[in-house]
C-alpha atoms as a PDB file:
ATOM      1  CA  MET A   1       0.000   0.000   0.000  1.00  0.00           C
ATOM      2  CA  ASN A   2       1.090   3.563  -0.719  1.00  0.00           C
ATOM      3  CA  TYR A   3       0.224   6.746   1.114  1.00  0.00           C
ATOM      4  CA  TRP A   4      -0.726  10.108  -0.334  1.00  0.00           C
ATOM      5  CA  LEU A   5      -1.842  13.610   0.530  1.00  0.00           C
ATOM      6  CA  VAL A   6      -4.345  15.559  -1.565  1.00  0.00           C
ATOM      7  CA  LYS A   7      -5.160  19.226  -1.062  1.00  0.00           C
ATOM      8  CA  SER A   8      -8.526  20.855  -1.547  1.00  0.00           C
ATOM      9  CA  GLU A   9      -9.926  24.198  -0.621  1.00  0.00           C
ATOM     10  CA  PRO A  10     -12.888  23.426   1.656  1.00  0.00           C
ATOM     11  CA  TYR A  11     -15.156  25.872  -0.168  1.00  0.00           C
ATOM     12  CA  VAL A  12     -14.498  23.871  -3.363  1.00  0.00           C
ATOM     13  CA  PHE A  13     -14.723  20.324  -1.925  1.00  0.00           C
ATOM     14  CA  SER A  14     -14.235  19.658   1.786  1.00  0.00           C
ATOM     15  CA  ILE A  15     -13.856  16.457   3.771  1.00  0.00           C
ATOM     16  CA  GLU A  16     -17.502  16.997   4.772  1.00  0.00           C
ATOM     17  CA  ASP A  17     -18.454  17.045   1.083  1.00  0.00           C
ATOM     18  CA  LEU A  18     -16.602  13.771   0.594  1.00  0.00           C
ATOM     19  CA  ALA A  19     -18.360  12.304   3.665  1.00  0.00           C
ATOM     20  CA  ARG A  20     -21.709  13.320   2.144  1.00  0.00           C
ATOM     21  CA  ASP A  21     -20.941  11.977  -1.344  1.00  0.00           C
ATOM     22  CA  LYS A  22     -18.992   8.904  -0.116  1.00  0.00           C
ATOM     23  CA  VAL A  23     -16.964   8.732  -3.383  1.00  0.00           C
ATOM     24  CA  THR A  24     -15.717  11.414  -5.767  1.00  0.00           C
ATOM     25  CA  HIS A  25     -13.481  11.615  -8.789  1.00  0.00           C
ATOM     26  CA  TRP A  26     -10.411  13.753  -8.062  1.00  0.00           C
ATOM     27  CA  ASP A  27     -10.535  15.845 -11.213  1.00  0.00           C
ATOM     28  CA  GLY A  28      -9.159  19.183 -12.322  1.00  0.00           C
ATOM     29  CA  VAL A  29      -5.506  18.611 -11.448  1.00  0.00           C
ATOM     30  CA  ARG A  30      -3.445  20.494 -14.036  1.00  0.00           C
ATOM     31  CA  ASN A  31       0.132  20.047 -12.897  1.00  0.00           C
ATOM     32  CA  TYR A  32       2.172  17.336 -14.617  1.00  0.00           C
ATOM     33  CA  GLN A  33       3.992  16.118 -11.515  1.00  0.00           C
ATOM     34  CA  ALA A  34       0.741  15.937  -9.528  1.00  0.00           C
ATOM     35  CA  ARG A  35      -0.888  14.180 -12.500  1.00  0.00           C
ATOM     36  CA  ASN A  36       1.877  11.596 -12.482  1.00  0.00           C
ATOM     37  CA  PHE A  37       1.298  10.973  -8.779  1.00  0.00           C
ATOM     38  CA  LEU A  38      -2.444  10.504  -9.466  1.00  0.00           C
ATOM     39  CA  ARG A  39      -1.571   7.868 -12.068  1.00  0.00           C
ATOM     40  CA  GLU A  40       0.591   6.034  -9.507  1.00  0.00           C
ATOM     41  CA  MET A  41      -2.263   5.698  -7.017  1.00  0.00           C
ATOM     42  CA  LYS A  42      -3.524   2.146  -6.555  1.00  0.00           C
ATOM     43  CA  LYS A  43      -6.871   0.937  -5.309  1.00  0.00           C
ATOM     44  CA  GLY A  44      -6.771   0.730  -1.515  1.00  0.00           C
ATOM     45  CA  ASP A  45      -3.996   3.308  -1.046  1.00  0.00           C
ATOM     46  CA  ALA A  46      -4.510   5.607   1.938  1.00  0.00           C
ATOM     47  CA  VAL A  47      -4.934   9.357   1.431  1.00  0.00           C
ATOM     48  CA  LEU A  48      -4.588  12.265   3.861  1.00  0.00           C
ATOM     49  CA  TYR A  49      -7.202  14.897   3.007  1.00  0.00           C
ATOM     50  CA  TYR A  50      -5.717  18.374   3.452  1.00  0.00           C
ATOM     51  CA  HIS A  51      -7.709  21.598   3.652  1.00  0.00           C
ATOM     52  CA  SER A  52      -5.841  24.521   2.100  1.00  0.00           C
ATOM     53  CA  ASN A  53      -6.869  28.173   2.055  1.00  0.00           C
ATOM     54  CA  GLU A  54      -8.678  27.723   5.363  1.00  0.00           C
ATOM     55  CA  ASP A  55      -8.176  28.668   8.979  1.00  0.00           C
ATOM     56  CA  PRO A  56      -6.544  26.516  10.131  1.00  0.00           C
ATOM     57  CA  ILE A  57      -4.821  25.000   7.113  1.00  0.00           C
ATOM     58  CA  GLY A  58      -4.128  21.319   7.726  1.00  0.00           C
ATOM     59  CA  VAL A  59      -5.089  17.672   7.515  1.00  0.00           C
ATOM     60  CA  ALA A  60      -8.843  17.211   7.940  1.00  0.00           C
ATOM     61  CA  GLY A  61      -9.338  13.489   7.426  1.00  0.00           C
ATOM     62  CA  VAL A  62      -8.585  10.302   5.543  1.00  0.00           C
ATOM     63  CA  ALA A  63      -9.786   8.798   2.277  1.00  0.00           C
ATOM     64  CA  THR A  64      -8.807   5.774   0.232  1.00  0.00           C
ATOM     65  CA  VAL A  65      -8.263   5.264  -3.465  1.00  0.00           C
ATOM     66  CA  TYR A  66     -11.466   3.609  -4.655  1.00  0.00           C
ATOM     67  CA  ARG A  67     -10.693   3.487  -8.387  1.00  0.00           C
ATOM     68  CA  GLU A  68      -7.356   3.919 -10.100  1.00  0.00           C
ATOM     69  CA  ALA A  69      -6.783   6.889 -12.390  1.00  0.00           C
ATOM     70  CA  TYR A  70      -8.660   7.179 -15.671  1.00  0.00           C
ATOM     71  CA  ALA A  71      -8.993   9.995 -18.201  1.00  0.00           C
ATOM     72  CA  ASP A  72     -10.281  13.105 -16.428  1.00  0.00           C
ATOM     73  CA  PRO A  73     -13.595  13.881 -18.187  1.00  0.00           C
ATOM     74  CA  SER A  74     -13.320  17.615 -17.446  1.00  0.00           C
ATOM     75  CA  GLN A  75     -10.512  17.962 -20.015  1.00  0.00           C
ATOM     76  CA  PHE A  76     -12.963  17.174 -22.834  1.00  0.00           C
ATOM     77  CA  ASP A  77     -15.826  19.444 -21.724  1.00  0.00           C
ATOM     78  CA  LYS A  78     -15.605  22.820 -23.480  1.00  0.00           C
ATOM     79  CA  LYS A  79     -17.830  24.390 -20.821  1.00  0.00           C
ATOM     80  CA  ASN A  80     -15.621  23.205 -17.953  1.00  0.00           C
ATOM     81  CA  LYS A  81     -12.920  25.480 -16.538  1.00  0.00           C
ATOM     82  CA  TYR A  82     -10.523  22.518 -16.755  1.00  0.00           C
ATOM     83  CA  TYR A  83     -11.095  22.010 -20.489  1.00  0.00           C
ATOM     84  CA  ASP A  84      -7.883  21.301 -22.414  1.00  0.00           C
ATOM     85  CA  GLU A  85      -8.097  21.796 -26.164  1.00  0.00           C
ATOM     86  CA  LYS A  86      -4.962  19.677 -26.697  1.00  0.00           C
ATOM     87  CA  ALA A  87      -6.429  16.634 -24.957  1.00  0.00           C
ATOM     88  CA  THR A  88      -8.178  13.987 -27.022  1.00  0.00           C
ATOM     89  CA  LYS A  89     -10.011  10.826 -26.035  1.00  0.00           C
ATOM     90  CA  GLU A  90      -7.282   8.859 -27.821  1.00  0.00           C
ATOM     91  CA  LYS A  91      -4.516  10.784 -26.043  1.00  0.00           C
ATOM     92  CA  PRO A  92      -5.807  12.244 -22.786  1.00  0.00           C
ATOM     93  CA  ARG A  93      -3.408  14.525 -20.932  1.00  0.00           C
ATOM     94  CA  TRP A  94      -5.048  14.516 -17.504  1.00  0.00           C
ATOM     95  CA  PHE A  95      -6.171  11.731 -15.197  1.00  0.00           C
ATOM     96  CA  CYS A  96      -8.212  11.357 -12.043  1.00  0.00           C
ATOM     97  CA  PRO A  97      -8.736   8.545  -9.548  1.00  0.00           C
ATOM     98  CA  ASP A  98     -11.860   8.099  -7.459  1.00  0.00           C
ATOM     99  CA  LEU A  99     -11.446   8.710  -3.741  1.00  0.00           C
ATOM    100  CA  LYS A 100     -13.665   7.219  -1.053  1.00  0.00           C
ATOM    101  CA  PHE A 101     -14.357   8.812   2.317  1.00  0.00           C
ATOM    102  CA  LYS A 102     -12.922   6.990   5.297  1.00  0.00           C
ATOM    103  CA  LYS A 103     -12.813   9.396   8.246  1.00  0.00           C
ATOM    104  CA  ALA A 104     -13.058  13.056   9.164  1.00  0.00           C
ATOM    105  CA  PHE A 105     -10.924  14.169  12.083  1.00  0.00           C
ATOM    106  CA  LYS A 106     -12.645  15.811  15.058  1.00  0.00           C
ATOM    107  CA  ALA A 107     -10.342  18.765  14.464  1.00  0.00           C
ATOM    108  CA  VAL A 108      -7.998  19.679  11.645  1.00  0.00           C
ATOM    109  CA  VAL A 109      -4.360  18.839  12.378  1.00  0.00           C
ATOM    110  CA  PRO A 110      -2.948  22.282  11.591  1.00  0.00           C
ATOM    111  CA  LEU A 111       0.027  22.895   9.340  1.00  0.00           C
ATOM    112  CA  SER A 112       1.648  24.878  12.166  1.00  0.00           C
ATOM    113  CA  LYS A 113       1.484  21.787  14.415  1.00  0.00           C
ATOM    114  CA  LEU A 114       2.880  19.574  11.638  1.00  0.00           C
ATOM    115  CA  ARG A 115       5.822  21.973  11.224  1.00  0.00           C
ATOM    116  CA  GLU A 116       6.748  21.772  14.920  1.00  0.00           C
ATOM    117  CA  THR A 117       6.356  17.993  15.269  1.00  0.00           C
ATOM    118  CA  LYS A 118       9.531  15.978  15.648  1.00  0.00           C
ATOM    119  CA  GLY A 119       9.754  13.243  13.036  1.00  0.00           C
ATOM    120  CA  LEU A 120       7.925  15.152  10.294  1.00  0.00           C
ATOM    121  CA  GLU A 121      10.814  17.458   9.324  1.00  0.00           C
ATOM    122  CA  ASP A 122      11.479  15.680   6.032  1.00  0.00           C
ATOM    123  CA  MET A 123       7.835  15.370   4.987  1.00  0.00           C
ATOM    124  CA  LEU A 124       7.371  16.629   1.411  1.00  0.00           C
ATOM    125  CA  LEU A 125       4.460  18.862   2.480  1.00  0.00           C
ATOM    126  CA  LEU A 126       6.743  20.758   4.857  1.00  0.00           C
ATOM    127  CA  ARG A 127       9.562  21.435   2.399  1.00  0.00           C
ATOM    128  CA  LYS A 128      10.049  25.041   1.385  1.00  0.00           C
ATOM    129  CA  GLY A 129       8.327  25.708  -1.946  1.00  0.00           C
ATOM    130  CA  SER A 130       6.281  22.499  -1.865  1.00  0.00           C
ATOM    131  CA  ARG A 131       2.935  23.437  -3.371  1.00  0.00           C
ATOM    132  CA  LEU A 132       1.818  20.250  -5.122  1.00  0.00           C
ATOM    133  CA  SER A 133      -1.859  19.438  -4.660  1.00  0.00           C
ATOM    134  CA  VAL A 134      -1.092  15.706  -4.782  1.00  0.00           C
ATOM    135  CA  GLN A 135       1.976  14.210  -3.179  1.00  0.00           C
ATOM    136  CA  PRO A 136       3.299  10.972  -1.744  1.00  0.00           C
ATOM    137  CA  VAL A 137       3.577  10.483   2.006  1.00  0.00           C
ATOM    138  CA  VAL A 138       5.779   7.932   3.747  1.00  0.00           C
ATOM    139  CA  LYS A 139       4.055   5.523   6.113  1.00  0.00           C
ATOM    140  CA  LYS A 140       5.802   6.814   9.268  1.00  0.00           C
ATOM    141  CA  HIS A 141       4.538  10.352   8.520  1.00  0.00           C
ATOM    142  CA  PHE A 142       1.051   9.092   7.721  1.00  0.00           C
ATOM    143  CA  ASP A 143       0.909   7.123  10.988  1.00  0.00           C
ATOM    144  CA  LYS A 144       2.248  10.044  13.032  1.00  0.00           C
ATOM    145  CA  ILE A 145      -0.437  12.375  11.625  1.00  0.00           C
ATOM    146  CA  LEU A 146      -3.158   9.836  12.433  1.00  0.00           C
ATOM    147  CA  LYS A 147      -1.885   9.700  16.036  1.00  0.00           C
ATOM    148  CA  MET A 148      -1.864  13.486  16.217  1.00  0.00           C
ATOM    149  CA  ALA A 149      -5.481  13.563  15.030  1.00  0.00           C
ATOM    150  CA  GLU A 150      -6.516  11.105  17.747  1.00  0.00           C
ATOM    151  CA  SER A 151      -4.957  13.117  20.584  1.00  0.00           C
END
């Protein structure tokens, strides 16, 4: 199993929205490195759900990969803000997996707390300039964040 972190602005799609819908396709990612990470996701992988652009910014819950990445349908829809005129059904450029709700934390584990926690110093999320909306997480970091959420 692999571990991931995905970022969403809560006013766009929050952990509560995922809890309500149960499953969603993680579409609209338009960064090639993040896209490549989406394509690496395997069914059953664990995902930290991160709220960005919120107070506090931080990890709000957990999801799992329900369906591995497939062509993101938004790239073909001319009315969609994520439309890509260079993408074709034969050669899609963008992909999205389906994520399934697992758990919302009682309180967001804030970014400030993550930054001051021993053992998370080398987490990709905490590196200067790290802005990817999808990124891998090592198991020890994933487990530490789950423990922080429980306490």
